[in-house]
Amino acid sequence: MLHSSLGSAEVVQAVPVTARASAQRGSAMIEFVIVGPILTLIGLAVLQYSMLFFAKNQLNHAAFMAARAGSLGNASITKVKTAYIKALVPVYGGGTNAAELAESLGKATADVAAFSKVELINPTKESFMDWGNNPALMAKYQTNGKRVIPNSGLAFKDHNVGGNSGQTVQDANLIKLRIMHGYEMKIPIVKTVFKAWLKARDPHTDALYTAMVAQDRIPVVSNVTLHMQSDAIEGDPISAPGAGNGGTPTNPGDPPEGTDPPPNCSGIGCNPPPEPVDPGTPCTGADCPVCPAG
């Protein structure tokens, strides 16, 4: 590059473009090393949460189908569980022929047996005590002494509240289910992080919940309520005497917090550091710490 100033010539050496580019070479790699793991973890977390979202939708649908079967099937818990398992076949692979469908049904059956809990919340034991003493219906269904809550003509029945259940006969004709299902996490690294978070918040009030978390599963709870479309036959209902809170609704507050301390994480996957294999003895392995001289 040549500049002229007051008749004198000054020669300035230009810096080559390649020299300037080489000075920045490798900066992108440094940025990726810093940001890449974080973006990878976020991406995997989004993927796992998306899979959980769609699984939750399917579990909600299965819970509705289970309640529908109970509504039409005399509140039979056996029919409820059978319908729930059948509705989960698409979650466990589905199929295009009888053999594939049978295989998926077998997987769903085994998983539900090990990692789910189906509870019939209503009608309760007290509901049958108040409204189930109907000899004609007991004889019709041959229940061998099990009580039956009538379903017909509810619009024309009175609204008296039973002394044991705190319910009217119309209230007793609602089927309520609570289903907890352990969704198996699939995405590596992220499932370790989710598991550590769930374990730290586990109040240890439900043994099945704790077992699900320990086996890399997220407890997903579905609640569903439908009107009965058949006479409810007494099975093994839960007991819930009287009107809740004396008939005065109250705020139950937040669920209990876990008492476990957070994990001592190391690494992106929240892996706890290993315990020393020879505590209290001289360290002889290759990974012994080196103390600074002082």
C-alpha atoms as a PDB file:
ATOM      1  CA  MET A   1       0.000   0.000   0.000  1.00  0.00           C
ATOM      2  CA  LEU A   2       1.538   3.332  -1.100  1.00  0.00           C
ATOM      3  CA  HIS A   3       0.742   6.688   0.522  1.00  0.00           C
ATOM      4  CA  SER A   4       2.120  10.065  -0.752  1.00  0.00           C
ATOM      5  CA  SER A   5       2.547  12.919   1.696  1.00  0.00           C
ATOM      6  CA  LEU A   6       4.187  16.270   0.834  1.00  0.00           C
ATOM      7  CA  GLY A   7       6.037  14.744  -2.048  1.00  0.00           C
ATOM      8  CA  SER A   8       7.549  11.985  -0.007  1.00  0.00           C
ATOM      9  CA  ALA A   9       6.612   8.372  -0.422  1.00  0.00           C
ATOM     10  CA  GLU A  10       5.821   6.112   2.510  1.00  0.00           C
ATOM     11  CA  VAL A  11       5.440   2.378   2.018  1.00  0.00           C
ATOM     12  CA  VAL A  12       3.167   0.541   4.461  1.00  0.00           C
ATOM     13  CA  GLN A  13       3.101  -3.246   4.509  1.00  0.00           C
ATOM     14  CA  ALA A  14      -0.479  -4.572   4.511  1.00  0.00           C
ATOM     15  CA  VAL A  15      -1.381  -7.484   6.822  1.00  0.00           C
ATOM     16  CA  PRO A  16      -2.507 -10.483   4.782  1.00  0.00           C
ATOM     17  CA  VAL A  17      -6.132 -11.579   5.230  1.00  0.00           C
ATOM     18  CA  THR A  18      -5.042 -15.131   5.982  1.00  0.00           C
ATOM     19  CA  ALA A  19      -2.897 -13.932   8.880  1.00  0.00           C
ATOM     20  CA  ARG A  20      -5.828 -12.132  10.511  1.00  0.00           C
ATOM     21  CA  ALA A  21      -8.060 -15.212  10.106  1.00  0.00           C
ATOM     22  CA  SER A  22      -5.485 -17.547  11.598  1.00  0.00           C
ATOM     23  CA  ALA A  23      -5.387 -15.471  14.771  1.00  0.00           C
ATOM     24  CA  GLN A  24      -9.070 -16.395  15.465  1.00  0.00           C
ATOM     25  CA  ARG A  25      -8.818 -20.026  14.458  1.00  0.00           C
ATOM     26  CA  GLY A  26     -10.159 -22.393  17.168  1.00  0.00           C
ATOM     27  CA  SER A  27     -12.362 -19.855  18.962  1.00  0.00           C
ATOM     28  CA  ALA A  28     -15.534 -21.595  17.779  1.00  0.00           C
ATOM     29  CA  MET A  29     -14.330 -24.850  19.302  1.00  0.00           C
ATOM     30  CA  ILE A  30     -13.792 -23.153  22.667  1.00  0.00           C
ATOM     31  CA  GLU A  31     -17.294 -21.696  22.531  1.00  0.00           C
ATOM     32  CA  PHE A  32     -18.773 -25.082  21.644  1.00  0.00           C
ATOM     33  CA  VAL A  33     -16.957 -26.826  24.493  1.00  0.00           C
ATOM     34  CA  ILE A  34     -18.533 -24.352  26.921  1.00  0.00           C
ATOM     35  CA  VAL A  35     -22.029 -24.087  25.454  1.00  0.00           C
ATOM     36  CA  GLY A  36     -22.398 -27.478  23.740  1.00  0.00           C
ATOM     37  CA  PRO A  37     -22.988 -29.618  26.855  1.00  0.00           C
ATOM     38  CA  ILE A  38     -25.536 -27.142  28.200  1.00  0.00           C
ATOM     39  CA  LEU A  39     -27.458 -27.044  24.918  1.00  0.00           C
ATOM     40  CA  THR A  40     -27.287 -30.832  24.681  1.00  0.00           C
ATOM     41  CA  LEU A  41     -28.739 -31.231  28.171  1.00  0.00           C
ATOM     42  CA  ILE A  42     -31.506 -28.731  27.438  1.00  0.00           C
ATOM     43  CA  GLY A  43     -32.332 -30.485  24.166  1.00  0.00           C
ATOM     44  CA  LEU A  44     -32.467 -33.898  25.821  1.00  0.00           C
ATOM     45  CA  ALA A  45     -34.641 -32.497  28.621  1.00  0.00           C
ATOM     46  CA  VAL A  46     -37.082 -31.026  26.098  1.00  0.00           C
ATOM     47  CA  LEU A  47     -37.220 -34.360  24.272  1.00  0.00           C
ATOM     48  CA  GLN A  48     -37.887 -36.307  27.482  1.00  0.00           C
ATOM     49  CA  TYR A  49     -40.535 -33.848  28.638  1.00  0.00           C
ATOM     50  CA  SER A  50     -42.241 -34.011  25.237  1.00  0.00           C
ATOM     51  CA  MET A  51     -42.370 -37.795  25.469  1.00  0.00           C
ATOM     52  CA  LEU A  52     -43.791 -37.489  28.986  1.00  0.00           C
ATOM     53  CA  PHE A  53     -46.413 -35.005  27.770  1.00  0.00           C
ATOM     54  CA  PHE A  54     -47.725 -37.350  25.090  1.00  0.00           C
ATOM     55  CA  ALA A  55     -47.589 -40.307  27.490  1.00  0.00           C
ATOM     56  CA  LYS A  56     -49.614 -38.317  30.018  1.00  0.00           C
ATOM     57  CA  ASN A  57     -52.280 -37.661  27.386  1.00  0.00           C
ATOM     58  CA  GLN A  58     -52.484 -41.375  26.626  1.00  0.00           C
ATOM     59  CA  LEU A  59     -52.616 -42.246  30.330  1.00  0.00           C
ATOM     60  CA  ASN A  60     -55.448 -39.748  30.829  1.00  0.00           C
ATOM     61  CA  HIS A  61     -57.335 -41.354  27.950  1.00  0.00           C
ATOM     62  CA  ALA A  62     -56.742 -44.811  29.413  1.00  0.00           C
ATOM     63  CA  ALA A  63     -58.018 -43.612  32.795  1.00  0.00           C
ATOM     64  CA  PHE A  64     -61.172 -42.285  31.126  1.00  0.00           C
ATOM     65  CA  MET A  65     -61.732 -45.607  29.361  1.00  0.00           C
ATOM     66  CA  ALA A  66     -61.239 -47.392  32.685  1.00  0.00           C
ATOM     67  CA  ALA A  67     -63.820 -45.176  34.393  1.00  0.00           C
ATOM     68  CA  ARG A  68     -66.204 -45.712  31.478  1.00  0.00           C
ATOM     69  CA  ALA A  69     -65.878 -49.475  31.878  1.00  0.00           C
ATOM     70  CA  GLY A  70     -66.541 -49.148  35.596  1.00  0.00           C
ATOM     71  CA  SER A  71     -69.529 -46.902  34.962  1.00  0.00           C
ATOM     72  CA  LEU A  72     -71.105 -49.484  32.664  1.00  0.00           C
ATOM     73  CA  GLY A  73     -69.812 -52.505  34.593  1.00  0.00           C
ATOM     74  CA  ASN A  74     -71.281 -52.096  38.087  1.00  0.00           C
ATOM     75  CA  ALA A  75     -68.141 -50.358  39.429  1.00  0.00           C
ATOM     76  CA  SER A  76     -66.160 -53.587  39.057  1.00  0.00           C
ATOM     77  CA  ILE A  77     -62.481 -52.924  39.763  1.00  0.00           C
ATOM     78  CA  THR A  78     -61.602 -55.935  37.595  1.00  0.00           C
ATOM     79  CA  LYS A  79     -63.356 -54.406  34.589  1.00  0.00           C
ATOM     80  CA  VAL A  80     -61.712 -51.072  35.358  1.00  0.00           C
ATOM     81  CA  LYS A  81     -58.208 -52.573  35.294  1.00  0.00           C
ATOM     82  CA  THR A  82     -58.913 -54.622  32.158  1.00  0.00           C
ATOM     83  CA  ALA A  83     -60.106 -51.552  30.245  1.00  0.00           C
ATOM     84  CA  TYR A  84     -57.137 -49.532  31.477  1.00  0.00           C
ATOM     85  CA  ILE A  85     -54.642 -52.114  30.237  1.00  0.00           C
ATOM     86  CA  LYS A  86     -56.327 -52.404  26.825  1.00  0.00           C
ATOM     87  CA  ALA A  87     -56.271 -48.631  26.386  1.00  0.00           C
ATOM     88  CA  LEU A  88     -52.509 -48.634  27.037  1.00  0.00           C
ATOM     89  CA  VAL A  89     -51.697 -51.002  24.162  1.00  0.00           C
ATOM     90  CA  PRO A  90     -50.664 -48.090  21.844  1.00  0.00           C
ATOM     91  CA  VAL A  91     -48.200 -46.853  24.494  1.00  0.00           C
ATOM     92  CA  TYR A  92     -46.433 -50.212  24.510  1.00  0.00           C
ATOM     93  CA  GLY A  93     -46.004 -50.544  20.764  1.00  0.00           C
ATOM     94  CA  GLY A  94     -49.464 -51.179  19.356  1.00  0.00           C
ATOM     95  CA  GLY A  95     -49.420 -53.378  16.286  1.00  0.00           C
ATOM     96  CA  THR A  96     -50.869 -54.074  12.859  1.00  0.00           C
ATOM     97  CA  ASN A  97     -51.769 -57.733  13.394  1.00  0.00           C
ATOM     98  CA  ALA A  98     -53.009 -60.001  16.154  1.00  0.00           C
ATOM     99  CA  ALA A  99     -49.543 -61.190  17.172  1.00  0.00           C
ATOM    100  CA  GLU A 100     -48.134 -57.666  17.570  1.00  0.00           C
ATOM    101  CA  LEU A 101     -51.201 -56.506  19.488  1.00  0.00           C
ATOM    102  CA  ALA A 102     -50.970 -59.515  21.795  1.00  0.00           C
ATOM    103  CA  GLU A 103     -47.299 -58.751  22.457  1.00  0.00           C
ATOM    104  CA  SER A 104     -48.066 -55.109  23.301  1.00  0.00           C
ATOM    105  CA  LEU A 105     -50.955 -56.203  25.511  1.00  0.00           C
ATOM    106  CA  GLY A 106     -48.612 -58.517  27.394  1.00  0.00           C
ATOM    107  CA  LYS A 107     -46.125 -55.687  27.963  1.00  0.00           C
ATOM    108  CA  ALA A 108     -48.881 -53.380  29.197  1.00  0.00           C
ATOM    109  CA  THR A 109     -50.255 -56.063  31.515  1.00  0.00           C
ATOM    110  CA  ALA A 110     -46.862 -56.737  33.084  1.00  0.00           C
ATOM    111  CA  ASP A 111     -46.046 -53.048  33.490  1.00  0.00           C
ATOM    112  CA  VAL A 112     -49.413 -52.194  35.042  1.00  0.00           C
ATOM    113  CA  ALA A 113     -49.088 -55.094  37.475  1.00  0.00           C
ATOM    114  CA  ALA A 114     -45.662 -53.912  38.645  1.00  0.00           C
ATOM    115  CA  PHE A 115     -45.800 -50.125  38.315  1.00  0.00           C
ATOM    116  CA  SER A 116     -49.360 -48.871  38.730  1.00  0.00           C
ATOM    117  CA  LYS A 117     -52.031 -48.492  41.373  1.00  0.00           C
ATOM    118  CA  VAL A 118     -55.748 -48.246  40.558  1.00  0.00           C
ATOM    119  CA  GLU A 119     -57.949 -46.932  43.367  1.00  0.00           C
ATOM    120  CA  LEU A 120     -61.742 -46.710  43.440  1.00  0.00           C
ATOM    121  CA  ILE A 121     -62.307 -43.503  45.401  1.00  0.00           C
ATOM    122  CA  ASN A 122     -66.109 -43.487  45.064  1.00  0.00           C
ATOM    123  CA  PRO A 123     -68.506 -45.144  45.845  1.00  0.00           C
ATOM    124  CA  THR A 124     -66.992 -45.637  49.287  1.00  0.00           C
ATOM    125  CA  LYS A 125     -67.681 -48.264  51.911  1.00  0.00           C
ATOM    126  CA  GLU A 126     -69.945 -45.770  53.648  1.00  0.00           C
ATOM    127  CA  SER A 127     -71.814 -45.121  50.375  1.00  0.00           C
ATOM    128  CA  PHE A 128     -72.864 -48.770  50.306  1.00  0.00           C
ATOM    129  CA  MET A 129     -73.774 -48.624  54.009  1.00  0.00           C
ATOM    130  CA  ASP A 130     -76.188 -45.749  53.349  1.00  0.00           C
ATOM    131  CA  TRP A 131     -77.583 -46.605  49.915  1.00  0.00           C
ATOM    132  CA  GLY A 132     -76.716 -50.210  49.110  1.00  0.00           C
ATOM    133  CA  ASN A 133     -79.186 -52.151  51.266  1.00  0.00           C
ATOM    134  CA  ASN A 134     -81.496 -53.190  48.427  1.00  0.00           C
ATOM    135  CA  PRO A 135     -82.563 -56.860  48.710  1.00  0.00           C
ATOM    136  CA  ALA A 136     -84.235 -56.874  45.277  1.00  0.00           C
ATOM    137  CA  LEU A 137     -81.067 -55.775  43.467  1.00  0.00           C
ATOM    138  CA  MET A 138     -78.892 -58.066  45.584  1.00  0.00           C
ATOM    139  CA  ALA A 139     -81.075 -60.988  44.520  1.00  0.00           C
ATOM    140  CA  LYS A 140     -81.100 -59.842  40.883  1.00  0.00           C
ATOM    141  CA  TYR A 141     -77.307 -59.789  40.628  1.00  0.00           C
ATOM    142  CA  GLN A 142     -76.804 -62.741  43.006  1.00  0.00           C
ATOM    143  CA  THR A 143     -74.179 -60.819  44.948  1.00  0.00           C
ATOM    144  CA  ASN A 144     -73.956 -63.256  47.886  1.00  0.00           C
ATOM    145  CA  GLY A 145     -74.600 -60.536  50.414  1.00  0.00           C
ATOM    146  CA  LYS A 146     -72.718 -57.711  48.704  1.00  0.00           C
ATOM    147  CA  ARG A 147     -74.699 -54.496  48.681  1.00  0.00           C
ATOM    148  CA  VAL A 148     -75.925 -52.720  45.535  1.00  0.00           C
ATOM    149  CA  ILE A 149     -76.493 -48.983  45.015  1.00  0.00           C
ATOM    150  CA  PRO A 150     -79.453 -48.374  42.660  1.00  0.00           C
ATOM    151  CA  ASN A 151     -78.856 -46.267  39.571  1.00  0.00           C
ATOM    152  CA  SER A 152     -82.331 -45.936  38.096  1.00  0.00           C
ATOM    153  CA  GLY A 153     -84.620 -42.966  38.605  1.00  0.00           C
ATOM    154  CA  LEU A 154     -82.023 -40.742  40.258  1.00  0.00           C
ATOM    155  CA  ALA A 155     -83.773 -37.574  39.104  1.00  0.00           C
ATOM    156  CA  PHE A 156     -86.862 -38.570  41.075  1.00  0.00           C
ATOM    157  CA  LYS A 157     -85.133 -39.633  44.275  1.00  0.00           C
ATOM    158  CA  ASP A 158     -84.845 -37.326  47.262  1.00  0.00           C
ATOM    159  CA  HIS A 159     -81.635 -35.569  48.209  1.00  0.00           C
ATOM    160  CA  ASN A 160     -81.318 -36.782  51.771  1.00  0.00           C
ATOM    161  CA  VAL A 161     -77.741 -36.998  53.030  1.00  0.00           C
ATOM    162  CA  GLY A 162     -76.642 -40.353  54.426  1.00  0.00           C
ATOM    163  CA  GLY A 163     -75.352 -40.356  57.974  1.00  0.00           C
ATOM    164  CA  ASN A 164     -72.359 -42.605  57.279  1.00  0.00           C
ATOM    165  CA  SER A 165     -71.119 -41.242  53.953  1.00  0.00           C
ATOM    166  CA  GLY A 166     -72.249 -37.628  54.030  1.00  0.00           C
ATOM    167  CA  GLN A 167     -73.572 -38.268  50.497  1.00  0.00           C
ATOM    168  CA  THR A 168     -76.889 -38.250  48.714  1.00  0.00           C
ATOM    169  CA  VAL A 169     -77.781 -41.229  46.551  1.00  0.00           C
ATOM    170  CA  GLN A 170     -76.878 -39.062  43.561  1.00  0.00           C
ATOM    171  CA  ASP A 171     -73.405 -38.500  45.012  1.00  0.00           C
ATOM    172  CA  ALA A 172     -73.031 -42.231  45.557  1.00  0.00           C
ATOM    173  CA  ASN A 173     -73.696 -42.750  41.848  1.00  0.00           C
ATOM    174  CA  LEU A 174     -70.460 -41.071  40.835  1.00  0.00           C
ATOM    175  CA  ILE A 175     -67.527 -43.327  40.038  1.00  0.00           C
ATOM    176  CA  LYS A 176     -64.197 -41.741  40.892  1.00  0.00           C
ATOM    177  CA  LEU A 177     -60.851 -43.308  40.040  1.00  0.00           C
ATOM    178  CA  ARG A 178     -57.314 -42.370  40.974  1.00  0.00           C
ATOM    179  CA  ILE A 179     -54.636 -44.115  38.919  1.00  0.00           C
ATOM    180  CA  MET A 180     -50.908 -43.739  39.522  1.00  0.00           C
ATOM    181  CA  HIS A 181     -48.746 -45.090  36.709  1.00  0.00           C
ATOM    182  CA  GLY A 182     -44.963 -45.255  36.607  1.00  0.00           C
ATOM    183  CA  TYR A 183     -43.804 -43.822  33.275  1.00  0.00           C
ATOM    184  CA  GLU A 184     -40.402 -45.201  32.301  1.00  0.00           C
ATOM    185  CA  MET A 185     -37.917 -42.507  31.294  1.00  0.00           C
ATOM    186  CA  LYS A 186     -35.995 -43.288  28.112  1.00  0.00           C
ATOM    187  CA  ILE A 187     -33.514 -40.462  27.522  1.00  0.00           C
ATOM    188  CA  PRO A 188     -30.032 -40.992  28.998  1.00  0.00           C
ATOM    189  CA  ILE A 189     -28.410 -38.380  31.237  1.00  0.00           C
ATOM    190  CA  VAL A 190     -31.710 -36.520  31.631  1.00  0.00           C
ATOM    191  CA  LYS A 191     -33.383 -39.435  33.386  1.00  0.00           C
ATOM    192  CA  THR A 192     -30.591 -39.369  35.966  1.00  0.00           C
ATOM    193  CA  VAL A 193     -31.234 -35.677  36.613  1.00  0.00           C
ATOM    194  CA  PHE A 194     -35.012 -36.190  36.842  1.00  0.00           C
ATOM    195  CA  LYS A 195     -34.532 -39.159  39.168  1.00  0.00           C
ATOM    196  CA  ALA A 196     -32.282 -37.157  41.514  1.00  0.00           C
ATOM    197  CA  TRP A 197     -34.842 -34.341  41.668  1.00  0.00           C
ATOM    198  CA  LEU A 198     -37.762 -36.726  42.339  1.00  0.00           C
ATOM    199  CA  LYS A 199     -35.827 -38.567  45.048  1.00  0.00           C
ATOM    200  CA  ALA A 200     -34.984 -35.300  46.793  1.00  0.00           C
ATOM    201  CA  ARG A 201     -38.689 -34.335  46.881  1.00  0.00           C
ATOM    202  CA  ASP A 202     -40.049 -37.768  47.838  1.00  0.00           C
ATOM    203  CA  PRO A 203     -41.906 -37.482  51.200  1.00  0.00           C
ATOM    204  CA  HIS A 204     -41.729 -41.299  51.609  1.00  0.00           C
ATOM    205  CA  THR A 205     -45.449 -41.605  52.312  1.00  0.00           C
ATOM    206  CA  ASP A 206     -46.103 -44.076  49.479  1.00  0.00           C
ATOM    207  CA  ALA A 207     -43.918 -47.166  49.077  1.00  0.00           C
ATOM    208  CA  LEU A 208     -44.955 -47.652  45.432  1.00  0.00           C
ATOM    209  CA  TYR A 209     -44.081 -44.037  44.584  1.00  0.00           C
ATOM    210  CA  THR A 210     -40.627 -44.487  46.115  1.00  0.00           C
ATOM    211  CA  ALA A 211     -40.117 -47.765  44.235  1.00  0.00           C
ATOM    212  CA  MET A 212     -41.094 -46.138  40.930  1.00  0.00           C
ATOM    213  CA  VAL A 213     -38.600 -43.317  41.366  1.00  0.00           C
ATOM    214  CA  ALA A 214     -35.847 -45.769  42.319  1.00  0.00           C
ATOM    215  CA  GLN A 215     -36.379 -47.603  39.013  1.00  0.00           C
ATOM    216  CA  ASP A 216     -36.164 -44.526  36.748  1.00  0.00           C
ATOM    217  CA  ARG A 217     -39.913 -43.988  36.522  1.00  0.00           C
ATOM    218  CA  ILE A 218     -41.995 -40.854  36.913  1.00  0.00           C
ATOM    219  CA  PRO A 219     -45.211 -41.404  38.923  1.00  0.00           C
ATOM    220  CA  VAL A 220     -48.008 -39.951  36.776  1.00  0.00           C
ATOM    221  CA  VAL A 221     -51.372 -39.549  38.524  1.00  0.00           C
ATOM    222  CA  SER A 222     -54.719 -39.375  36.705  1.00  0.00           C
ATOM    223  CA  ASN A 223     -58.039 -38.592  38.409  1.00  0.00           C
ATOM    224  CA  VAL A 224     -61.328 -39.139  36.609  1.00  0.00           C
ATOM    225  CA  THR A 225     -64.993 -38.881  37.635  1.00  0.00           C
ATOM    226  CA  LEU A 226     -68.035 -40.111  35.692  1.00  0.00           C
ATOM    227  CA  HIS A 227     -71.705 -40.739  36.371  1.00  0.00           C
ATOM    228  CA  MET A 228     -72.592 -44.366  36.962  1.00  0.00           C
ATOM    229  CA  GLN A 229     -74.609 -45.926  34.142  1.00  0.00           C
ATOM    230  CA  SER A 230     -75.314 -49.142  36.047  1.00  0.00           C
ATOM    231  CA  ASP A 231     -76.011 -50.305  39.584  1.00  0.00           C
ATOM    232  CA  ALA A 232     -72.814 -50.247  41.644  1.00  0.00           C
ATOM    233  CA  ILE A 233     -72.050 -53.595  43.284  1.00  0.00           C
ATOM    234  CA  GLU A 234     -69.917 -53.550  46.421  1.00  0.00           C
ATOM    235  CA  GLY A 235     -66.377 -54.757  45.867  1.00  0.00           C
ATOM    236  CA  ASP A 236     -63.496 -53.631  48.063  1.00  0.00           C
ATOM    237  CA  PRO A 237     -64.095 -49.877  48.350  1.00  0.00           C
ATOM    238  CA  ILE A 238     -62.093 -47.483  50.451  1.00  0.00           C
ATOM    239  CA  SER A 239     -63.497 -46.009  53.642  1.00  0.00           C
ATOM    240  CA  ALA A 240     -64.239 -42.283  53.764  1.00  0.00           C
ATOM    241  CA  PRO A 241     -66.789 -41.638  56.510  1.00  0.00           C
ATOM    242  CA  GLY A 242     -68.810 -38.462  56.776  1.00  0.00           C
ATOM    243  CA  ALA A 243     -68.676 -35.253  54.827  1.00  0.00           C
ATOM    244  CA  GLY A 244     -65.128 -34.130  54.201  1.00  0.00           C
ATOM    245  CA  ASN A 245     -63.933 -31.519  56.726  1.00  0.00           C
ATOM    246  CA  GLY A 246     -67.334 -31.594  58.363  1.00  0.00           C
ATOM    247  CA  GLY A 247     -68.937 -30.330  55.179  1.00  0.00           C
ATOM    248  CA  THR A 248     -66.784 -27.196  55.133  1.00  0.00           C
ATOM    249  CA  PRO A 249     -64.269 -27.154  52.241  1.00  0.00           C
ATOM    250  CA  THR A 250     -60.744 -26.174  53.211  1.00  0.00           C
ATOM    251  CA  ASN A 251     -57.521 -25.619  51.322  1.00  0.00           C
ATOM    252  CA  PRO A 252     -55.376 -28.754  51.764  1.00  0.00           C
ATOM    253  CA  GLY A 253     -52.221 -26.744  51.095  1.00  0.00           C
ATOM    254  CA  ASP A 254     -49.129 -27.842  49.262  1.00  0.00           C
ATOM    255  CA  PRO A 255     -48.049 -31.494  49.242  1.00  0.00           C
ATOM    256  CA  PRO A 256     -45.418 -32.447  51.818  1.00  0.00           C
ATOM    257  CA  GLU A 257     -41.806 -31.713  50.983  1.00  0.00           C
ATOM    258  CA  GLY A 258     -39.171 -34.400  50.855  1.00  0.00           C
ATOM    259  CA  THR A 259     -36.682 -34.646  53.695  1.00  0.00           C
ATOM    260  CA  ASP A 260     -33.790 -36.188  51.765  1.00  0.00           C
ATOM    261  CA  PRO A 261     -30.811 -33.885  51.109  1.00  0.00           C
ATOM    262  CA  PRO A 262     -30.071 -33.057  47.472  1.00  0.00           C
ATOM    263  CA  PRO A 263     -27.598 -35.399  45.780  1.00  0.00           C
ATOM    264  CA  ASN A 264     -23.896 -34.596  45.753  1.00  0.00           C
ATOM    265  CA  CYS A 265     -23.756 -34.317  41.975  1.00  0.00           C
ATOM    266  CA  SER A 266     -20.683 -34.406  39.798  1.00  0.00           C
ATOM    267  CA  GLY A 267     -20.797 -34.152  36.032  1.00  0.00           C
ATOM    268  CA  ILE A 268     -23.571 -33.274  33.619  1.00  0.00           C
ATOM    269  CA  GLY A 269     -25.563 -36.396  34.468  1.00  0.00           C
ATOM    270  CA  CYS A 270     -25.638 -35.661  38.215  1.00  0.00           C
ATOM    271  CA  ASN A 271     -23.635 -38.754  39.074  1.00  0.00           C
ATOM    272  CA  PRO A 272     -22.710 -38.960  42.775  1.00  0.00           C
ATOM    273  CA  PRO A 273     -18.948 -39.324  43.292  1.00  0.00           C
ATOM    274  CA  PRO A 274     -17.923 -42.879  44.212  1.00  0.00           C
ATOM    275  CA  GLU A 275     -17.123 -43.707  47.794  1.00  0.00           C
ATOM    276  CA  PRO A 276     -13.469 -44.530  48.554  1.00  0.00           C
ATOM    277  CA  VAL A 277     -12.804 -48.257  48.495  1.00  0.00           C
ATOM    278  CA  ASP A 278     -10.253 -48.198  51.332  1.00  0.00           C
ATOM    279  CA  PRO A 279     -11.275 -45.494  53.816  1.00  0.00           C
ATOM    280  CA  GLY A 280      -8.822 -44.941  56.623  1.00  0.00           C
ATOM    281  CA  THR A 281      -5.923 -46.655  54.869  1.00  0.00           C
ATOM    282  CA  PRO A 282      -3.136 -45.281  52.670  1.00  0.00           C
ATOM    283  CA  CYS A 283      -4.182 -44.533  49.116  1.00  0.00           C
ATOM    284  CA  THR A 284      -2.301 -46.692  46.624  1.00  0.00           C
ATOM    285  CA  GLY A 285      -4.396 -46.406  43.477  1.00  0.00           C
ATOM    286  CA  ALA A 286      -3.668 -44.476  40.315  1.00  0.00           C
ATOM    287  CA  ASP A 287      -6.281 -41.839  41.177  1.00  0.00           C
ATOM    288  CA  CYS A 288      -4.807 -40.815  44.544  1.00  0.00           C
ATOM    289  CA  PRO A 289      -4.967 -37.041  45.115  1.00  0.00           C
ATOM    290  CA  VAL A 290      -1.679 -35.174  45.053  1.00  0.00           C
ATOM    291  CA  CYS A 291      -1.259 -32.719  47.897  1.00  0.00           C
ATOM    292  CA  PRO A 292       0.583 -29.462  47.140  1.00  0.00           C
ATOM    293  CA  ALA A 293       3.954 -29.050  48.779  1.00  0.00           C
ATOM    294  CA  GLY A 294       3.899 -26.728  51.713  1.00  0.00           C
END
